[in-house]
Structures are given as structure tokens and as C-alpha cells.
């Protein structure tokens, strides 16, 4: 999606949202940095529950006399005029168990088309490792759309934006030499795109509308005019797509509704259909008139491919909201003159795991990571609820222009309270490492990026040592991506040299930290725990490596001799293998091993060290399994797992 000016208002309403959406950035150090793990026994739904089963028999070529096309500045479906009234629902932001629920609610809203991105990094988390199961089972999602009579506009990128980590590009690009240059005609990058699309696009062939499936349109790139103007790159993508999908399916671009973005981001004529997006408060018809200049005569049905129902929210901001009646009235201005629109979003969902993206302001230091929640103030809320004014207002408008009666509105999913959960500290993060004999360590004179040590998401611990100095030392890291907690310890102390929390360094503040003057008969250990809070997904600063990306200085003197320890917490859709980092959190429920006894630090006082906590609750009957929420009031900052599923980050209001 596009970051731009739009009319909106914000609210500080206290409506609860999944994953503790309340949030606030602070220049003050975070007191607690805690990984939380919950265990749920008995009848809880499995992470990858079986999807609804149905068979699909598609020919790879048109044998069913179906056709979706553009003529006379209108869309035509099987020879009849067709108005796209669509909405974005991203399969990767919704638990597969709820795909069908959200699609039925989208249909009840009045939608006849679903639009979705395809995030490359979810489907190829490591080079050559292709994943199309669980959250990544895109074919199952598309077949569910087809089952319920919903057409599909699919956006396979390769760049998607979408407030998703690096706009969907795999983080392992940064571990390659030479590093590919995304969104360009760079040969290394194009070879990767060809390999990726060579695996992805053939899956869509039997699902194309002319072959009996739901896919009516396939987008090339995404808002490219807001980034570059490499026409050779766009032509290469079009040729590649045509080679896999044939010449019948409509290929389209989406760009902001200005002459500059359209000139740069699309190709004039009938090579590809040019769609537009624009702020909800703008007059759509002058923009649709401009759109016609970039399409062949008679080939420009007015289409807003992203009609914004709400807006994104970064950590530290109030939840973005737009007025329901204002949004519905803006939509009606498009529909009443036979224009088409796709709601962005119809249902936002959740940025599970570590996949949230980020934006920047005037420079890359003005860094703004996105929330775990992607509610977006959409008519179908993050929880799936539809009893809200925006859903009703939009539905009333769509009902006046829909060619078929709207289905009845499904009820909200039931929710339940399971009461407080007692959490027990299982281990400190620093106790998970053998700092002298570890095999899972990278050594270098200067700090290495997270990508170079194979840790694409989450955290890396940087360790070095320095000499004490009367009056303390000033720690400065010119380029840190994105947030670091600083600890020191004296190995010669009799207390066991527990790391002491000193302060937090944040990319958006570029602040220095004063290391105190401590008496130590040996060199002092310096620990810097760095968090990747999401790669930038939009704008000119999307090249966003993570970790410590510069030299580190103490009193302007460069610090050398570093050890990097990856912390392997699994991401969304990754099945956990044996991992001593997370295994200790679950050991409380299978007996306390001698390994765990060794790790636990016997100290009843509150500690500022990052730690693993675990807890559990029981559900006796399957009928008692309902949706619920997790409250992190009075907690610090961390990550939560439920049954080994990485829900994502939390960071509640202080």
C-alpha cells in the first residue's frame, strides 16, 4: 500500500484488540525485556488445523467458455458488464482456520472479489526452500474464494509493500555476494525473480478464470511509480508473467493517482492495464480521467485498486481510524458512476511472528515500525467482528449497487475469558549461552549484520570486552538497526558476574549510553542485545539491513574483537525443531531437567535482564474453546508464543 496524504482522524478509544494493540514509544529505557511463552493444553485448536476439504478439477486451458475482459471502458464477465466491488484479505495475516470465516463475512459485506498479496519471504524463508503449507497454502485459500463465488485479483509482487517485512523480499538477499538490487534490472535480482515466479505462477494457471478458477487479474510489481522508473524491469516482469500465465488473463499495475507516478510506474497503451489508488477524501473522477490517458482507447474501466477503509499504525501512535460515514460516502462516489473499487483493507488481520514492516520519515533514522496488529480500522475487525458502524455503512452503500442480494451477516465469533495465568521465570537469556566454548558463535574484529550470521529475524547478542576507565565510558553506535539493550558485567566479581542493565539505544533516537565507572580487576564484558523490529517496506530507504551496521565507539575509540550469538526464535509458519533457547521455556511442563536447574538464576528480586517466562491454562471440553485476548498490562516489551506459535511482539502503554 501507499504512504501518502489522506483525510483521517485518530482516536484514543480503548476498544481492546488482539495482541495488546495499546502501545507507546518512550525515550526512557524499557524496564523489562521478556520472552513470554504460554502453554495451552487439552482441546485447543492446532496451529495448522486441517483446512475445509473440497475437490477442484481445473483444466490448464480454457475448456469451459469463461472469459473476463476489458472493453468499452468496462469490465466484462462472460459477456456481461461487471463492476468489481472487492476487498483485500491477506491469507498470511489470518489463521488458516479462519480463512473461510473471513471470506464469508467479506461476501456478506457485499464484495464479489478478493485481492491479496503474495509475500515472497513467507514462501521462500531460505534460498531454495519453498513453503506452500499452513499459512502459506495459497492454493487452498484461492480455492476457498472460488468455493464461495468470490473472484480474485492476485498481487505476486515480487515487491508488495503492504506493511510487511521488506515489502515481501527475503532477508537472505542481504547474505548474498553480490547483494541483489530489488526493483531493478539487476541481473542477480532478475534471476531470483525468475526462479521464484517459475515456482509460483504455474500454481495459478489452473486457477485462472478462463480455466475455471477465480483469478481474473494479476498485478505486476506494486506502486512502482512511487519508487523507480525502470521500464526495462517492468517489461521483463510482464514478459515473464505472460510466459507462465498466457495472454488471456488481465495483467495490471497499481500506482498513485498522479501524472508523475503513472508515468514512472506503468506502461502506456495495451501492454498492461493501469489502475490507480488515491486518498479516500479525493475526488475520484478527475483521477479516473487521468487513468484513461495511460490505457489504450476503450481499455480503461475506472478502478481504485486500493480504496482505503482505514490506515496503518506504528508503535507509539494512536490507533488510526477513519469515519464510517465519510468512508462509505467516498465509496459511493465511485460506485454510483459504474466505477470499481477494492477496499484496502476489507479485513486487516495480524502481523504474526516477526513479519511486520516499517516506514521512515525524512531519513532512515526516522524509523517507524508497524504494530503486530494490522486491524487497519477495516470493516471486518482484526478479531473478525462485524458489528461495527463501518461494516454497516459500507454494506448499505454496496447493497445499492450490487447485482445480487447480499447474504445475511454472520455473527461474531464467540469469545471467552480464561482468567489470569501465573507465569514463572524459566531462564535468563544470557544463561542460554556458553560465552567461552560456544559452537554457535561468529567472531569478527568488527560487528557483523544479523543477515551475515544467518539470523534474519528477531535478535542477535553482540559481545565484546573493554578496559575500565575512571569516570565511565560513552558508548556510541552510529548505525544501529533497530533497538539495543546494553548490559555490562565484571567476570572477576565473586557475585557470579551477572550482567547489569545500563540502558537502551534506539535507532529513531540515535542516542548514546554512559557506561558507569565500576571497579573490576579484569576487562569488563559488554553485551548488546539487538532487536530487528521489522525491515522498511516503503520508500527510498527500503535497503534495511539489521543489527550493528557500523563500528562501535567508546569515548570515540573504535571497539574491536566481537562475538555474535544468534538467538533462534522461530518465525510465522516455521515448525519448531529442538532448540535449547525455547526448549527451556517448556521444560517446566515435562519435568525439570538438570540442564534447566543449571540455567535458572536463584534470585527472587525483580531483574532487568531479558528472560523467558512460561505459564499454562487448561480447557476441559472442546465446546469451551473460544477466541480470547491476551493482556500485557504492566509488562514491558517482548514476544509471546502460544503452543509454540509465534503470535508476535507486545509493548503496552506505560
Foldseek 3Di string as FASTA:
>chain_A
DDDDDFDFDFDQDDPDDFPFQFFADDPFFFLAAAAEEEEEDDQAADQQHDADDDDDDWDLAQPPQWAWAFFQLFIATSRHTDFFAAFEDELLQDFSVCLLVLLLQRLLLPGQAYEYEQQQCVQPVDVPRGDCGGSNVVLSSQVSCQVVRHAYEYEDAVAQLLLWFLSRDHLLLVQDVVRDDPPAVGVVNVVVVLVSCVVVLLSCSRQDVSRPHRYQEYEYHAQCLQPFQHVVSSVSSLVSNCVRRNDRHAYEYEHALDPSSPNRPHAAEDSHQYAYAYHLPDQQPVSLVVSCRRYHVRRRHHEHAELEQWAFDFGRDGGTHGDQLSNQVSVLSQPVVSHHYYYHHQAFHFQFFQTGAWAADPDPLRITTTDRDRQRNHCQGNQRANPDSNSVSNSVSSCVRRPDHGDDRDHGFDEDDQDDWDKDFQFFLVLLDDVPDDPLKDKWFFDDFCSNSPNSAWKKKKKDWAAADPPFWKKAQQDAAAKKWKWKFACPDPVRTDTATFRMAGSNVSDITTGGGDDHPDIMMMMIMGHRNRAHSDDDRRPDIHGRDGFMDINNHTGTMMMMHHQDQDGAPDDDDDDSSCVSQVCVPVDQDPSSVVRDDPDPDDGSGYTYMYTYDYDDDNVPHTDYHDDDPPHAKYWYHYNSTTRGIHGHDD
